[in-house]
Amino acid sequence: MPFFVTIIQTGDRLTRYKVIPAPSGSLDEGYTEIMPDYSRALGSGVFGSVYGAQTQAVSFVTRGQLPEIMGGVPAASPLAGVRVQIILNDFENFYVIKTGTIVNAADRLNLANEETFFREIYGGIVDLRYLGSTYYLLISKVPGTRLSTYLRGHVLNNCEKLKILLAILAALQKLHQKGIIHGDLHARNILIKVVGEGGDRKYKVHFIDFGFSYRMPGPARYIVDAGYVGHFIPERVLKTVADPIPQADPYHDLYSIAYSLQRSYRFESDLLNSVLGAKISAEDLEHQVIEALCLNEKYYFKFATRTPAEVKAILSINISNELLAGILVKCHIKLQTSLETLMLTNYLLYINKSLVSIRETLKLTVLILVRQQDFLNLC
């Protein structure tokens, strides 16, 4: 529904919003008041702080429309047409206020991004305004707990980690289908909500903080920092301003997720080692390597007519782990091979300590999403 938003300022601080439905734009038709609660911060960071808000619905009726217990009068009463104000308090936190200080033009760009992409993804009331050098961004509260907080407070087995990873990928797939790259995904920008209990427990994921988001196709957002090592994929980290600007790519987000979860929470190594390691034999791995290489055009004539023993001997002499990993990844993507094969390959790369790059291995993770139920059956 379209709406107008006005504000009430007390001193140098925004203290109240009035949200008026369009097209009337009249307070006489009723409105919603949203009051920031600055006594209770929900979070903070380099951008500023996030606060909850209380809401109340203000409407107007005649006394003839009210029940007697609320001051109503009979329809025949001369007071029946008198309008009165009705206020319904709602102390649920349906909205949050992000506020902080603007330092430079980059801050304004990030805030404009946050406003645009949040409105596009979640809708509802979104309002960005400035009072001097201070910004106020009013948005709907997104359900869930920060993934970083949830992981610190819960000891999860590997099957639960798999469920969380799949929920993240499912949410990310929906975002990318809208043509949006989040651009800054890590465990503090992922909200997780638990649905159900015990073996029926599922996870719902939402993303927040879209200040560094961008669209695809199109140029990616990037930083210039020759010494940076972190959750941005290397191609988005320019050494100088003269370096070519990268283009938007879904793997920018996938890289960030994998980097953050592996570095801070050991998701990938724990899953591969504990879940898959108990189910995969050395014979399976050897067979998988041979099959993948034989199906690759470049190596087909070299391996197709040889016995497994001969292929194994050639591998040990002529092909590095890094090259082998790259061949396997390309084969699997082209063939859209089975989930079991994907898992065997991932585990092969893991035990050889030869992950070529997070970017390459994440291509396998994307395919896993298509077969979620099969993946969970490995538990």
Protein backbone atom coordinates (compact mmCIF):
# COMPACT_ATOMS: atom_id res chain seq x y z
CA MET A 1 0.00 0.00 0.00
CA PRO A 2 1.36 3.49 -0.85
CA PHE A 3 1.96 5.75 2.12
CA PHE A 4 3.34 9.08 3.25
CA VAL A 5 5.80 9.31 6.14
CA THR A 6 6.24 12.38 8.29
CA ILE A 7 8.55 12.74 11.28
CA ILE A 8 8.63 14.47 14.64
CA GLN A 9 11.99 15.75 15.79
CA THR A 10 12.89 16.47 19.39
CA GLY A 11 16.10 18.43 19.63
CA ASP A 12 18.58 16.86 17.24
CA ARG A 13 16.98 13.38 17.34
CA LEU A 14 14.14 11.84 15.34
CA THR A 15 11.62 10.66 17.92
CA ARG A 16 8.48 9.63 16.03
CA TYR A 17 7.21 8.64 12.58
CA LYS A 18 3.67 9.12 11.34
CA VAL A 19 2.78 6.78 8.50
CA ILE A 20 -0.29 7.97 6.60
CA PRO A 21 -1.95 5.78 3.94
CA ALA A 22 -2.13 7.27 0.46
CA PRO A 23 -3.88 8.58 -1.52
CA SER A 24 -5.65 10.65 1.15
CA GLY A 25 -2.50 11.76 2.96
CA SER A 26 -4.75 13.06 5.71
CA LEU A 27 -4.27 12.40 9.41
CA ASP A 28 -8.04 12.49 9.75
CA GLU A 29 -8.23 9.11 8.02
CA GLY A 30 -6.05 7.46 10.66
CA TYR A 31 -2.35 6.72 10.75
CA THR A 32 0.34 4.58 12.35
CA GLU A 33 2.90 5.99 14.76
CA ILE A 34 6.32 4.36 15.02
CA MET A 35 8.45 5.38 17.99
CA PRO A 36 12.16 4.47 18.09
CA ASP A 37 13.23 2.98 21.42
CA TYR A 38 16.76 4.35 21.81
CA SER A 39 17.12 2.71 25.22
CA ARG A 40 17.39 -0.73 23.65
CA ALA A 41 20.01 -1.27 20.95
CA LEU A 42 19.56 -4.44 18.90
CA GLY A 43 23.03 -4.29 17.39
CA SER A 44 25.84 -2.00 16.31
CA GLY A 45 28.71 -1.85 13.85
CA VAL A 46 30.77 0.51 11.74
CA PHE A 47 27.54 1.75 10.10
CA GLY A 48 26.03 2.89 13.42
CA SER A 49 23.39 1.23 15.61
CA VAL A 50 20.05 -0.55 15.21
CA TYR A 51 17.16 0.08 17.60
CA GLY A 52 13.76 -1.48 18.03
CA ALA A 53 10.56 0.54 17.78
CA GLN A 54 7.08 0.48 19.27
CA THR A 55 4.03 1.09 17.12
CA GLN A 56 0.52 2.31 17.70
CA ALA A 57 -2.40 2.55 15.33
CA VAL A 58 -4.39 5.78 15.56
CA SER A 59 -7.87 5.83 14.07
CA PHE A 60 -11.00 7.99 14.32
CA VAL A 61 -14.58 6.84 14.81
CA THR A 62 -17.80 8.45 15.96
CA ARG A 63 -19.15 7.83 19.45
CA GLY A 64 -22.18 6.23 17.84
CA GLN A 65 -19.88 3.53 16.44
CA LEU A 66 -18.31 2.70 19.81
CA PRO A 67 -19.61 0.18 22.35
CA GLU A 68 -20.95 1.71 25.54
CA ILE A 69 -18.07 0.38 27.61
CA MET A 70 -15.70 2.50 25.50
CA GLY A 71 -17.79 5.67 25.77
CA GLY A 72 -20.23 4.95 22.98
CA VAL A 73 -23.70 6.46 22.83
CA PRO A 74 -26.94 5.41 21.10
CA ALA A 75 -27.33 6.35 17.44
CA ALA A 76 -30.17 8.74 18.37
CA SER A 77 -27.96 10.69 20.77
CA PRO A 78 -26.89 14.18 19.73
CA LEU A 79 -23.34 13.08 20.56
CA ALA A 80 -23.43 10.10 18.17
CA GLY A 81 -21.67 12.03 15.42
CA VAL A 82 -18.80 13.28 17.60
CA ARG A 83 -15.46 11.88 16.38
CA VAL A 84 -13.06 10.39 18.90
CA GLN A 85 -9.54 9.10 18.59
CA ILE A 86 -8.78 5.41 19.16
CA ILE A 87 -5.20 4.34 19.91
CA LEU A 88 -4.20 0.68 19.77
CA ASN A 89 -0.74 0.05 21.19
CA ASP A 90 1.33 -2.75 19.73
CA PHE A 91 4.55 -3.41 21.57
CA GLU A 92 5.75 -6.03 19.12
CA ASN A 93 8.83 -4.85 17.27
CA PHE A 94 7.65 -4.83 13.68
CA TYR A 95 10.13 -2.10 12.72
CA VAL A 96 13.73 -1.20 13.42
CA ILE A 97 15.63 2.06 13.10
CA LYS A 98 19.19 2.13 11.80
CA THR A 99 21.00 5.33 12.65
CA GLY A 100 24.55 6.63 12.53
CA THR A 101 26.79 9.39 11.25
CA ILE A 102 27.50 10.03 7.58
CA VAL A 103 31.21 10.50 6.94
CA ASN A 104 31.59 10.59 3.16
CA ALA A 105 29.93 10.01 -0.22
CA ALA A 106 30.55 6.27 0.01
CA ASP A 107 28.39 6.16 3.15
CA ARG A 108 25.54 7.85 1.28
CA LEU A 109 25.86 5.38 -1.58
CA ASN A 110 25.72 2.44 0.81
CA LEU A 111 22.62 3.85 2.51
CA ALA A 112 20.88 4.49 -0.80
CA ASN A 113 21.66 0.88 -1.72
CA GLU A 114 20.27 -0.36 1.59
CA GLU A 115 17.03 1.56 1.08
CA THR A 116 16.58 0.46 -2.55
CA PHE A 117 17.36 -3.22 -2.15
CA PHE A 118 15.54 -3.66 1.16
CA ARG A 119 12.36 -2.21 -0.34
CA GLU A 120 12.71 -4.44 -3.40
CA ILE A 121 13.32 -7.62 -1.39
CA TYR A 122 11.08 -7.20 1.65
CA GLY A 123 8.72 -4.36 0.79
CA GLY A 124 6.76 -2.61 3.54
CA ILE A 125 7.60 0.77 5.01
CA VAL A 126 11.11 1.92 4.14
CA ASP A 127 12.14 5.48 4.88
CA LEU A 128 15.61 7.06 4.70
CA ARG A 129 16.26 10.63 5.75
CA TYR A 130 19.01 12.80 7.17
CA LEU A 131 19.06 15.23 10.08
CA GLY A 132 22.33 17.05 9.66
CA SER A 133 25.09 14.44 9.42
CA THR A 134 22.95 11.76 11.08
CA TYR A 135 20.94 9.29 9.01
CA TYR A 136 17.78 7.44 10.04
CA LEU A 137 16.65 4.39 8.13
CA LEU A 138 13.24 2.94 9.06
CA ILE A 139 12.67 -0.62 7.85
CA SER A 140 10.56 -3.63 8.76
CA LYS A 141 12.12 -6.01 11.27
CA VAL A 142 13.42 -9.13 9.53
CA PRO A 143 12.71 -12.31 11.54
CA GLY A 144 15.47 -14.45 12.98
CA THR A 145 18.70 -14.41 14.96
CA ARG A 146 22.09 -13.52 13.55
CA LEU A 147 23.76 -16.72 12.38
CA SER A 148 26.93 -15.74 14.26
CA THR A 149 24.96 -15.53 17.51
CA TYR A 150 23.10 -18.76 16.86
CA LEU A 151 26.26 -20.73 16.12
CA ARG A 152 28.00 -19.44 19.24
CA GLY A 153 25.06 -20.47 21.40
CA HIS A 154 24.38 -23.94 20.00
CA VAL A 155 26.40 -27.10 19.61
CA LEU A 156 25.27 -28.55 16.28
CA ASN A 157 25.88 -31.94 14.77
CA ASN A 158 26.91 -32.13 11.15
CA CYS A 159 23.43 -32.91 9.86
CA GLU A 160 22.12 -29.69 11.42
CA LYS A 161 25.01 -27.84 9.80
CA LEU A 162 23.97 -29.35 6.47
CA LYS A 163 20.41 -28.14 6.97
CA ILE A 164 21.61 -24.63 7.76
CA LEU A 165 23.92 -24.57 4.74
CA LEU A 166 21.09 -25.70 2.46
CA ALA A 167 18.74 -23.08 3.92
CA ILE A 168 21.36 -20.40 3.22
CA LEU A 169 21.81 -21.59 -0.35
CA ALA A 170 18.04 -21.74 -0.93
CA ALA A 171 17.62 -18.14 0.25
CA LEU A 172 20.61 -17.06 -1.82
CA GLN A 173 19.19 -18.71 -4.91
CA LYS A 174 15.98 -16.65 -4.53
CA LEU A 175 18.02 -13.46 -4.14
CA HIS A 176 20.06 -14.20 -7.25
CA GLN A 177 16.89 -14.96 -9.21
CA LYS A 178 15.94 -11.34 -8.57
CA GLY A 179 19.22 -10.32 -10.22
CA ILE A 180 20.74 -9.13 -6.94
CA ILE A 181 24.18 -9.93 -5.53
CA HIS A 182 24.32 -9.27 -1.78
CA GLY A 183 28.02 -8.42 -1.90
CA ASP A 184 28.82 -8.61 1.82
CA LEU A 185 27.63 -11.96 3.15
CA HIS A 186 28.98 -13.26 6.44
CA ALA A 187 27.48 -14.82 9.55
CA ARG A 188 26.42 -11.44 11.01
CA ASN A 189 24.42 -10.55 7.89
CA ILE A 190 22.50 -13.82 7.82
CA LEU A 191 19.44 -14.22 10.05
CA ILE A 192 18.28 -17.72 10.91
CA LYS A 193 14.93 -18.81 12.30
CA VAL A 194 14.35 -22.32 13.64
CA VAL A 195 11.09 -23.98 12.62
CA GLY A 196 10.02 -27.24 14.28
CA GLU A 197 11.79 -29.41 16.81
CA GLY A 198 13.89 -32.55 16.97
CA GLY A 199 14.30 -34.44 13.73
CA ASP A 200 11.70 -32.19 12.07
CA ARG A 201 13.73 -29.05 12.78
CA LYS A 202 14.14 -26.83 9.74
CA TYR A 203 15.76 -23.46 9.21
CA LYS A 204 14.51 -20.31 7.50
CA VAL A 205 17.11 -17.80 6.36
CA HIS A 206 16.91 -14.07 5.57
CA PHE A 207 19.66 -11.64 4.63
CA ILE A 208 20.18 -8.12 5.97
CA ASP A 209 22.54 -5.17 5.34
CA PHE A 210 22.40 -4.52 1.60
CA GLY A 211 24.69 -1.49 1.59
CA PHE A 212 27.26 -3.20 -0.64
CA SER A 213 24.79 -4.98 -2.94
CA TYR A 214 24.73 -4.71 -6.74
CA ARG A 215 22.82 -6.03 -9.72
CA MET A 216 23.67 -8.57 -12.35
CA PRO A 217 24.48 -8.20 -15.10
CA GLY A 218 26.58 -5.15 -14.38
CA PRO A 219 29.71 -4.04 -12.57
CA ALA A 220 30.39 -5.42 -9.10
CA ARG A 221 31.08 -3.30 -6.04
CA TYR A 222 34.73 -3.53 -5.07
CA ILE A 223 37.36 -2.24 -2.67
CA VAL A 224 40.89 -1.03 -3.31
CA ASP A 225 43.20 -2.58 -0.75
CA ALA A 226 46.41 -4.33 -1.75
CA GLY A 227 46.72 -6.09 1.59
CA TYR A 228 43.12 -7.27 2.07
CA VAL A 229 42.41 -10.89 2.95
CA GLY A 230 38.83 -11.65 3.88
CA HIS A 231 35.39 -12.72 2.72
CA PHE A 232 35.43 -10.70 -0.52
CA ILE A 233 36.43 -12.83 -3.51
CA PRO A 234 39.91 -11.74 -4.67
CA GLU A 235 38.69 -10.33 -8.00
CA ARG A 236 36.65 -7.73 -6.04
CA VAL A 237 39.76 -6.53 -4.21
CA LEU A 238 41.68 -4.22 -6.52
CA LYS A 239 45.32 -3.44 -5.84
CA THR A 240 45.04 -0.02 -7.51
CA VAL A 241 42.23 2.13 -8.89
CA ALA A 242 43.59 1.38 -12.38
CA ASP A 243 42.75 -2.33 -12.12
CA PRO A 244 39.78 -3.58 -14.20
CA ILE A 245 36.41 -3.51 -12.43
CA PRO A 246 34.96 -7.02 -12.02
CA GLN A 247 31.50 -7.95 -13.30
CA ALA A 248 28.73 -9.20 -11.04
CA ASP A 249 28.78 -12.95 -10.50
CA PRO A 250 26.73 -15.21 -8.16
CA TYR A 251 29.97 -16.80 -6.97
CA HIS A 252 30.86 -13.52 -5.26
CA ASP A 253 28.26 -14.36 -2.62
CA LEU A 254 29.08 -18.06 -2.55
CA TYR A 255 32.72 -17.29 -1.93
CA SER A 256 31.84 -15.01 0.97
CA ILE A 257 29.62 -17.62 2.61
CA ALA A 258 32.16 -20.41 2.25
CA TYR A 259 35.02 -18.25 3.46
CA SER A 260 33.15 -17.04 6.53
CA LEU A 261 31.69 -20.38 7.57
CA GLN A 262 34.94 -22.25 7.05
CA ARG A 263 37.22 -19.71 8.73
CA SER A 264 35.02 -19.05 11.74
CA TYR A 265 32.93 -22.21 12.16
CA ARG A 266 34.76 -24.97 10.22
CA PHE A 267 31.63 -25.88 8.30
CA GLU A 268 33.26 -27.33 5.20
CA SER A 269 36.06 -29.36 6.76
CA ASP A 270 33.85 -30.68 9.55
CA LEU A 271 31.17 -31.80 7.13
CA LEU A 272 33.49 -33.43 4.66
CA ASN A 273 35.61 -35.14 7.29
CA SER A 274 32.91 -36.34 9.69
CA VAL A 275 29.85 -36.93 7.52
CA LEU A 276 31.35 -38.10 4.26
CA GLY A 277 34.54 -39.69 5.53
CA ALA A 278 32.68 -42.49 7.26
CA LYS A 279 30.80 -43.40 4.09
CA ILE A 280 33.42 -43.32 1.34
CA SER A 281 36.08 -45.93 0.71
CA ALA A 282 39.46 -45.48 -0.92
CA GLU A 283 38.27 -47.79 -3.70
CA ASP A 284 35.31 -45.51 -4.42
CA LEU A 285 37.62 -42.51 -4.64
CA GLU A 286 40.04 -44.21 -6.98
CA HIS A 287 37.23 -45.35 -9.27
CA GLN A 288 35.76 -41.83 -9.31
CA VAL A 289 39.03 -40.22 -10.32
CA ILE A 290 39.48 -42.64 -13.19
CA GLU A 291 35.90 -42.22 -14.40
CA ALA A 292 36.07 -38.43 -14.36
CA LEU A 293 39.36 -38.30 -16.22
CA CYS A 294 38.21 -40.76 -18.84
CA LEU A 295 35.15 -38.62 -19.56
CA ASN A 296 37.17 -35.45 -20.03
CA GLU A 297 37.85 -34.71 -23.72
CA LYS A 298 41.39 -33.54 -23.17
CA TYR A 299 42.36 -36.77 -21.42
CA TYR A 300 39.94 -39.18 -23.08
CA PHE A 301 42.35 -40.68 -25.60
CA LYS A 302 45.08 -40.82 -23.00
CA PHE A 303 43.05 -42.83 -20.49
CA ALA A 304 40.03 -44.40 -22.20
CA THR A 305 41.84 -47.50 -23.43
CA ARG A 306 43.89 -48.11 -20.30
CA THR A 307 43.17 -50.25 -17.30
CA PRO A 308 42.47 -48.68 -13.90
CA ALA A 309 45.91 -49.71 -12.71
CA GLU A 310 47.57 -48.00 -15.68
CA VAL A 311 45.50 -44.85 -15.15
CA LYS A 312 46.49 -44.80 -11.49
CA ALA A 313 50.17 -45.08 -12.43
CA ILE A 314 49.89 -42.24 -14.95
CA LEU A 315 48.10 -40.05 -12.42
CA SER A 316 50.80 -40.46 -9.83
CA ILE A 317 53.48 -39.35 -12.27
CA ASN A 318 51.97 -36.76 -14.61
CA ILE A 319 49.05 -34.96 -12.99
CA SER A 320 49.22 -32.65 -10.01
CA ASN A 321 46.50 -32.53 -7.39
CA GLU A 322 45.65 -29.00 -8.48
CA LEU A 323 45.16 -30.02 -12.12
CA LEU A 324 43.21 -33.10 -11.10
CA ALA A 325 40.85 -31.03 -8.98
CA GLY A 326 40.18 -28.64 -11.83
CA ILE A 327 39.45 -31.49 -14.23
CA LEU A 328 37.04 -33.11 -11.79
CA VAL A 329 35.12 -29.92 -11.20
CA LYS A 330 34.72 -29.22 -14.92
CA CYS A 331 33.63 -32.79 -15.63
CA HIS A 332 30.95 -32.74 -12.98
CA ILE A 333 29.51 -29.41 -14.01
CA LYS A 334 29.31 -30.46 -17.63
CA LEU A 335 27.80 -33.86 -16.91
CA GLN A 336 25.39 -32.70 -14.19
CA THR A 337 26.49 -35.84 -12.44
CA SER A 338 24.93 -37.51 -9.42
CA LEU A 339 25.01 -36.13 -5.90
CA GLU A 340 27.08 -39.10 -4.78
CA THR A 341 29.70 -38.28 -7.37
CA LEU A 342 29.80 -34.67 -6.27
CA MET A 343 30.35 -35.72 -2.68
CA LEU A 344 33.05 -38.20 -3.62
CA THR A 345 34.88 -35.51 -5.54
CA ASN A 346 34.61 -32.98 -2.74
CA TYR A 347 35.95 -35.52 -0.29
CA LEU A 348 38.75 -36.49 -2.65
CA LEU A 349 39.87 -32.88 -2.82
CA TYR A 350 39.63 -32.58 0.94
CA ILE A 351 41.78 -35.59 1.84
CA ASN A 352 44.38 -34.54 -0.73
CA LYS A 353 44.57 -31.08 0.88
CA SER A 354 44.39 -29.71 -2.64
CA LEU A 355 41.34 -27.48 -2.87
CA VAL A 356 42.22 -25.41 -5.90
CA SER A 357 40.19 -22.45 -4.76
CA ILE A 358 37.02 -21.81 -2.89
CA ARG A 359 35.50 -20.55 -6.14
CA GLU A 360 35.97 -23.88 -7.88
CA THR A 361 34.67 -26.06 -5.06
CA LEU A 362 31.64 -23.84 -4.63
CA LYS A 363 30.46 -24.78 -8.10
CA LEU A 364 29.81 -28.21 -6.67
CA THR A 365 27.90 -26.73 -3.76
CA VAL A 366 25.49 -25.00 -6.13
CA LEU A 367 24.60 -28.33 -7.71
CA ILE A 368 23.99 -29.82 -4.27
CA LEU A 369 21.10 -27.40 -3.83
CA VAL A 370 19.15 -29.12 -6.60
CA ARG A 371 19.21 -32.40 -4.68
CA GLN A 372 18.60 -31.30 -1.12
CA GLN A 373 16.76 -34.39 0.05
CA ASP A 374 19.43 -36.74 -1.29
CA PHE A 375 22.07 -34.66 0.43
CA LEU A 376 20.36 -34.94 3.78
CA ASN A 377 20.01 -38.68 3.34
CA LEU A 378 23.77 -38.93 3.71
CA CYS A 379 23.37 -38.10 7.41
